[in-house]
Amino acid sequence: MLVYDICALNKTYTDGQRPANKDIHLQIHQGEIFGLLGENGAGKTTLIRQMVNLLRSTSGTISLFGQQIGRDPSHVPQHVGYMPQEAQALNMLTVEESLYFAAHLRGMNRAEAKVEREQLLDLWQIADLRRQNSAQLSGGQRRLLRLAVAMAGKLPVLILDEPTNDLDPLRRRMVWDVLRTVSRERGTTIVFVTHDAAEAEKVIERVGIMRDGEMVAVGKPSDLKRRVDQQLRLELFYPPGQAPDLPTSLVQTDIQPGRCILYLYREQAVEILNHIDMTQIDDFKLYSATLEDLYVHYATR
């Protein structure tokens, strides 16, 4: 079943010199996990705000389950749980109140909302925070609460803006595990924005990559990788400020002090590794294209 059908979508702000979104065509199907990648300012958050009917498009159409979203203000809230990057609406409620009222307002009766609240507290591992005021939570705790609130009511679609920001590695892994489980067991359609391509690759089924307001690539990561997988990724680790001697023909991308990435054709790999003085580096990794490589390839071309 087709969940979202986005056709020729454009958004230009009144004070903008270029479109925030330009001629976007996208279809999202029931039960899939769709990731939206792109650098800051690429238009990702603008797009999902249009998808949840919080931002009016300049032109084009967005249909949700076959109905254009602007025709009925209640259509999106009845079907979509949305988690923005920041939310102040919960600040005056405790954690358990936030979950109960979210479930109740989305159509569950009082008994059902109480059951939903307890299940979400356990699912997101925040039961020990239940009586804390939302405004007093840490950044990571607030992120988990907003994820739980978005899921309250068992709506068929989740749209999540940067769901793993502020989270430590263990909690990030837990988030991806929960989203995979919910998609598999309930058939929930999940759309999320993230900058963390390496983490997203563990859960993503299809990806859309945006650049300057345009959708420059859409598809399964495995299909998109075929366009760049003739190259290998060589990652070098070395003492900061002491980069190893490398052939001048190679393009080096510095990730952080003491870490860089080189892209090689397969036939170059042995020659380059033989050239590198292993006493100058702490470690190296050589592997085929990743989702992060796709992001770099399409988002910065």
Protein backbone atom coordinates (compact mmCIF):
# COMPACT_ATOMS: atom_id res chain seq x y z
CA MET A 1 0.00 0.00 0.00
CA LEU A 2 1.18 3.50 -0.84
CA VAL A 3 1.44 5.63 2.30
CA TYR A 4 2.93 8.91 1.03
CA ASP A 5 2.78 10.13 -2.56
CA ILE A 6 4.68 13.39 -3.04
CA CYS A 7 4.52 15.01 -6.47
CA ALA A 8 6.40 18.06 -7.82
CA LEU A 9 6.77 19.55 -4.35
CA ASN A 10 8.26 23.01 -4.01
CA LYS A 11 8.74 25.33 -1.05
CA THR A 12 10.14 28.85 -1.24
CA TYR A 13 10.18 31.06 1.86
CA THR A 14 9.22 34.68 1.32
CA ASP A 15 12.69 35.90 2.29
CA GLY A 16 14.57 33.09 0.55
CA GLN A 17 16.76 33.55 -2.50
CA ARG A 18 16.52 29.89 -3.48
CA PRO A 19 13.88 27.20 -2.94
CA ALA A 20 14.03 25.26 0.31
CA ASN A 21 12.58 22.32 -1.65
CA LYS A 22 12.64 21.98 -5.42
CA ASP A 23 10.56 19.60 -7.54
CA ILE A 24 10.55 16.67 -5.09
CA HIS A 25 8.93 13.41 -6.18
CA LEU A 26 8.81 10.64 -3.58
CA GLN A 27 6.71 7.60 -2.71
CA ILE A 28 6.85 5.79 0.62
CA HIS A 29 5.19 2.40 1.08
CA GLN A 30 3.56 0.72 4.04
CA GLY A 31 5.89 -0.94 6.52
CA GLU A 32 9.16 0.38 5.12
CA ILE A 33 11.87 2.21 7.05
CA PHE A 34 12.90 5.23 5.01
CA GLY A 35 15.90 7.39 5.92
CA LEU A 36 16.37 10.97 4.79
CA LEU A 37 20.00 12.13 4.63
CA GLY A 38 21.59 15.45 3.75
CA GLU A 39 23.80 18.17 5.16
CA ASN A 40 22.45 21.09 7.19
CA GLY A 41 20.26 23.28 5.00
CA ALA A 42 19.59 20.53 2.45
CA GLY A 43 15.83 20.79 3.04
CA LYS A 44 15.17 17.64 5.07
CA THR A 45 13.30 19.22 7.99
CA THR A 46 11.37 21.49 5.61
CA LEU A 47 10.22 18.40 3.72
CA ILE A 48 9.01 16.47 6.74
CA ARG A 49 7.26 19.54 8.16
CA GLN A 50 5.34 19.67 4.91
CA MET A 51 4.62 15.94 5.21
CA VAL A 52 3.00 16.43 8.63
CA ASN A 53 1.05 19.51 7.44
CA LEU A 54 2.89 21.98 9.66
CA LEU A 55 4.25 23.91 6.69
CA ARG A 56 2.32 24.85 3.57
CA SER A 57 3.97 24.01 0.26
CA THR A 58 4.43 26.64 -2.42
CA SER A 59 3.32 24.16 -5.07
CA GLY A 60 2.94 20.43 -5.62
CA THR A 61 0.92 17.85 -3.71
CA ILE A 62 1.35 15.49 -0.76
CA SER A 63 -1.10 12.61 -0.37
CA LEU A 64 -1.29 10.41 2.73
CA PHE A 65 -3.17 7.14 2.25
CA GLY A 66 -4.67 8.57 -0.94
CA GLN A 67 -5.92 11.86 0.53
CA GLN A 68 -4.24 15.22 0.06
CA ILE A 69 -3.12 16.33 3.50
CA GLY A 70 -4.29 19.94 3.31
CA ARG A 71 -7.97 19.12 2.81
CA ASP A 72 -8.66 17.86 6.35
CA PRO A 73 -6.58 19.21 9.29
CA SER A 74 -7.30 16.03 11.30
CA HIS A 75 -6.09 13.60 8.63
CA VAL A 76 -2.37 13.70 9.49
CA PRO A 77 -2.79 13.57 13.31
CA GLN A 78 -5.05 10.54 12.92
CA HIS A 79 -2.34 8.59 11.08
CA VAL A 80 1.09 10.05 11.87
CA GLY A 81 3.15 10.24 15.06
CA TYR A 82 5.65 13.07 14.60
CA MET A 83 8.79 13.75 16.64
CA PRO A 84 10.36 17.17 15.93
CA GLN A 85 13.96 17.98 16.82
CA GLU A 86 12.76 20.18 19.69
CA ALA A 87 9.44 20.25 21.55
CA GLN A 88 8.37 22.45 24.46
CA ALA A 89 4.73 21.33 24.69
CA LEU A 90 5.51 18.58 27.22
CA ASN A 91 7.51 20.69 29.65
CA MET A 92 4.70 21.13 32.20
CA LEU A 93 3.83 17.40 32.30
CA THR A 94 5.51 14.45 33.95
CA VAL A 95 6.81 11.62 31.79
CA GLU A 96 3.85 9.35 32.55
CA GLU A 97 1.34 12.18 32.00
CA SER A 98 2.89 12.95 28.61
CA LEU A 99 2.46 9.35 27.46
CA TYR A 100 -1.03 8.91 28.88
CA PHE A 101 -2.45 12.10 27.37
CA ALA A 102 -0.77 11.50 24.00
CA ALA A 103 -2.37 8.04 23.76
CA HIS A 104 -5.75 9.30 25.02
CA LEU A 105 -5.84 12.25 22.59
CA ARG A 106 -5.10 9.87 19.73
CA GLY A 107 -8.26 7.90 20.36
CA MET A 108 -7.52 5.40 23.09
CA ASN A 109 -9.95 5.24 26.00
CA ARG A 110 -8.64 5.77 29.53
CA ALA A 111 -7.95 2.11 30.25
CA GLU A 112 -6.21 1.61 26.91
CA ALA A 113 -4.15 4.77 27.40
CA LYS A 114 -2.93 3.54 30.80
CA VAL A 115 -1.86 0.21 29.30
CA GLU A 116 -0.14 2.02 26.43
CA ARG A 117 1.67 4.29 28.91
CA GLU A 118 3.11 1.32 30.83
CA GLN A 119 4.17 -0.47 27.66
CA LEU A 120 5.96 2.60 26.34
CA LEU A 121 7.71 3.24 29.65
CA ASP A 122 9.12 -0.28 29.49
CA LEU A 123 9.83 -0.28 25.75
CA TRP A 124 11.92 2.90 25.90
CA GLN A 125 13.48 2.06 29.29
CA ILE A 126 12.25 5.23 31.00
CA ALA A 127 10.02 3.72 33.73
CA ASP A 128 12.29 5.11 36.45
CA LEU A 129 11.61 8.63 35.11
CA ARG A 130 7.83 8.34 35.15
CA ARG A 131 7.16 10.98 37.81
CA GLN A 132 9.84 13.43 36.73
CA ASN A 133 8.83 16.69 35.09
CA SER A 134 9.68 16.65 31.39
CA ALA A 135 11.50 19.98 31.64
CA GLN A 136 13.93 18.52 34.19
CA LEU A 137 15.13 15.65 32.02
CA SER A 138 18.56 15.50 30.39
CA GLY A 139 18.85 15.91 26.62
CA GLY A 140 19.05 12.16 26.04
CA GLN A 141 16.13 11.44 28.37
CA ARG A 142 13.98 14.04 26.60
CA ARG A 143 14.85 12.43 23.27
CA LEU A 144 13.61 9.04 24.48
CA LEU A 145 10.43 10.61 25.87
CA ARG A 146 9.71 12.34 22.56
CA LEU A 147 10.20 9.04 20.74
CA ALA A 148 7.78 7.35 23.12
CA VAL A 149 5.21 10.15 22.72
CA ALA A 150 5.46 9.94 18.92
CA MET A 151 4.69 6.22 19.16
CA ALA A 152 1.79 6.60 21.62
CA GLY A 153 -1.54 5.47 20.21
CA LYS A 154 -0.09 2.93 17.78
CA LEU A 155 -0.48 5.13 14.71
CA PRO A 156 0.48 3.53 11.38
CA VAL A 157 3.19 6.09 10.49
CA LEU A 158 6.11 7.53 12.47
CA ILE A 159 8.09 10.55 11.27
CA LEU A 160 11.17 11.25 13.38
CA ASP A 161 13.55 14.20 13.05
CA GLU A 162 17.02 13.24 14.30
CA PRO A 163 15.83 10.43 16.63
CA THR A 164 19.27 9.60 18.05
CA ASN A 165 20.62 13.09 18.78
CA ASP A 166 21.89 13.50 22.36
CA LEU A 167 22.02 9.73 22.91
CA ASP A 168 25.01 7.63 23.97
CA PRO A 169 25.99 4.62 21.81
CA LEU A 170 24.01 2.09 23.87
CA ARG A 171 20.83 4.11 23.69
CA ARG A 172 21.31 4.77 19.98
CA ARG A 173 21.51 1.02 19.42
CA MET A 174 18.37 0.56 21.51
CA VAL A 175 16.49 3.12 19.38
CA TRP A 176 17.35 1.34 16.14
CA ASP A 177 16.41 -2.03 17.68
CA VAL A 178 13.02 -0.70 18.80
CA LEU A 179 12.27 0.88 15.43
CA ARG A 180 13.15 -2.35 13.60
CA THR A 181 10.91 -4.34 15.94
CA VAL A 182 7.97 -1.95 15.63
CA SER A 183 8.21 -1.93 11.85
CA ARG A 184 8.42 -5.71 11.65
CA GLU A 185 5.73 -6.59 14.21
CA ARG A 186 3.18 -3.83 13.60
CA GLY A 187 3.87 -2.95 9.97
CA THR A 188 4.55 0.64 11.03
CA THR A 189 5.92 2.92 8.32
CA ILE A 190 8.92 4.87 9.66
CA VAL A 191 10.48 7.95 8.09
CA PHE A 192 13.44 9.54 9.85
CA VAL A 193 15.97 12.29 9.32
CA THR A 194 19.53 11.69 10.46
CA HIS A 195 23.09 12.87 9.93
CA ASP A 196 24.50 9.60 11.21
CA ALA A 197 24.74 7.51 8.07
CA ALA A 198 26.83 4.81 9.74
CA GLU A 199 24.18 4.22 12.41
CA ALA A 200 21.25 4.52 10.00
CA GLU A 201 22.68 1.81 7.74
CA LYS A 202 21.80 -0.79 10.40
CA VAL A 203 18.06 -0.19 10.06
CA ILE A 204 17.36 1.63 6.81
CA GLU A 205 15.54 -0.09 3.93
CA ARG A 206 15.40 2.82 1.48
CA VAL A 207 17.17 6.14 1.55
CA GLY A 208 16.61 9.57 0.08
CA ILE A 209 19.62 11.89 -0.17
CA MET A 210 19.00 15.63 -0.41
CA ARG A 211 21.26 18.44 -1.57
CA ASP A 212 20.31 22.12 -1.87
CA GLY A 213 16.60 21.35 -1.58
CA GLU A 214 16.60 18.64 -4.23
CA MET A 215 16.25 14.88 -3.89
CA VAL A 216 19.42 13.75 -5.68
CA ALA A 217 19.13 9.98 -5.02
CA VAL A 218 16.42 7.60 -3.84
CA GLY A 219 16.59 3.83 -3.52
CA LYS A 220 17.79 0.84 -1.58
CA PRO A 221 21.33 1.35 -0.26
CA SER A 222 22.44 -1.84 -2.04
CA ASP A 223 21.22 -0.49 -5.39
CA LEU A 224 22.80 2.92 -4.90
CA LYS A 225 26.08 1.36 -3.79
CA ARG A 226 26.48 -0.32 -7.15
CA ARG A 227 27.10 3.11 -8.62
CA VAL A 228 30.07 3.77 -6.33
CA ASP A 229 31.26 0.34 -5.23
CA GLN A 230 34.11 0.21 -7.72
CA GLN A 231 35.94 2.16 -5.06
CA LEU A 232 37.21 0.94 -1.73
CA ARG A 233 37.37 3.07 1.38
CA LEU A 234 40.75 3.19 3.14
CA GLU A 235 40.57 4.77 6.58
CA LEU A 236 43.83 5.69 8.28
CA PHE A 237 44.40 6.46 11.96
CA TYR A 238 47.60 8.22 13.07
CA PRO A 239 48.89 10.61 15.75
CA PRO A 240 47.28 14.05 15.19
CA GLY A 241 49.55 16.33 13.22
CA GLN A 242 51.69 13.42 11.97
CA ALA A 243 49.97 12.35 8.75
CA PRO A 244 51.74 9.53 6.88
CA ASP A 245 53.38 10.08 3.50
CA LEU A 246 50.85 9.27 0.77
CA PRO A 247 50.98 9.29 -3.03
CA THR A 248 50.18 12.77 -4.34
CA SER A 249 47.70 11.28 -6.82
CA LEU A 250 45.29 10.34 -4.01
CA VAL A 251 42.57 12.65 -2.74
CA GLN A 252 42.59 12.66 1.05
CA THR A 253 39.52 13.60 3.11
CA ASP A 254 40.34 14.61 6.69
CA ILE A 255 37.58 13.46 9.06
CA GLN A 256 39.15 14.70 12.28
CA PRO A 257 42.67 15.20 13.63
CA GLY A 258 44.45 11.88 13.29
CA ARG A 259 41.87 10.29 10.95
CA CYS A 260 41.47 10.50 7.19
CA ILE A 261 39.75 8.62 4.38
CA LEU A 262 41.03 7.74 0.92
CA TYR A 263 38.94 6.26 -1.89
CA LEU A 264 40.78 3.75 -4.04
CA TYR A 265 39.96 1.65 -7.04
CA ARG A 266 40.26 -2.04 -6.27
CA GLU A 267 43.32 -2.50 -8.46
CA GLN A 268 45.13 0.23 -6.48
CA ALA A 269 44.64 -1.28 -3.04
CA VAL A 270 47.70 -3.55 -2.83
CA GLU A 271 50.01 -0.92 -4.32
CA ILE A 272 48.84 1.80 -1.90
CA LEU A 273 49.07 -0.43 1.17
CA ASN A 274 52.60 -1.42 0.19
CA HIS A 275 53.48 2.25 -0.21
CA ILE A 276 52.30 3.29 3.28
CA ASP A 277 54.90 3.14 6.05
CA MET A 278 53.00 1.18 8.71
CA THR A 279 55.21 2.63 11.43
CA GLN A 280 53.63 6.04 10.73
CA ILE A 281 50.06 4.93 11.45
CA ASP A 282 48.23 3.50 14.45
CA ASP A 283 45.67 1.49 12.48
CA PHE A 284 43.87 1.24 9.15
CA LYS A 285 40.57 -0.13 7.80
CA LEU A 286 39.85 -1.13 4.21
CA TYR A 287 36.30 -1.90 3.16
CA SER A 288 33.74 -1.46 0.40
CA ALA A 289 31.25 1.38 0.05
CA THR A 290 29.02 2.22 3.00
CA LEU A 291 25.90 4.36 3.35
CA GLU A 292 28.17 7.13 4.60
CA ASP A 293 30.09 6.93 1.32
CA LEU A 294 26.81 7.23 -0.59
CA TYR A 295 25.96 10.29 1.46
CA VAL A 296 29.31 11.90 0.69
CA HIS A 297 29.09 10.90 -2.98
CA TYR A 298 25.62 12.32 -3.64
CA ALA A 299 25.38 15.14 -1.10
CA THR A 300 28.67 16.86 -2.05
CA ARG A 301 28.96 16.14 -5.77
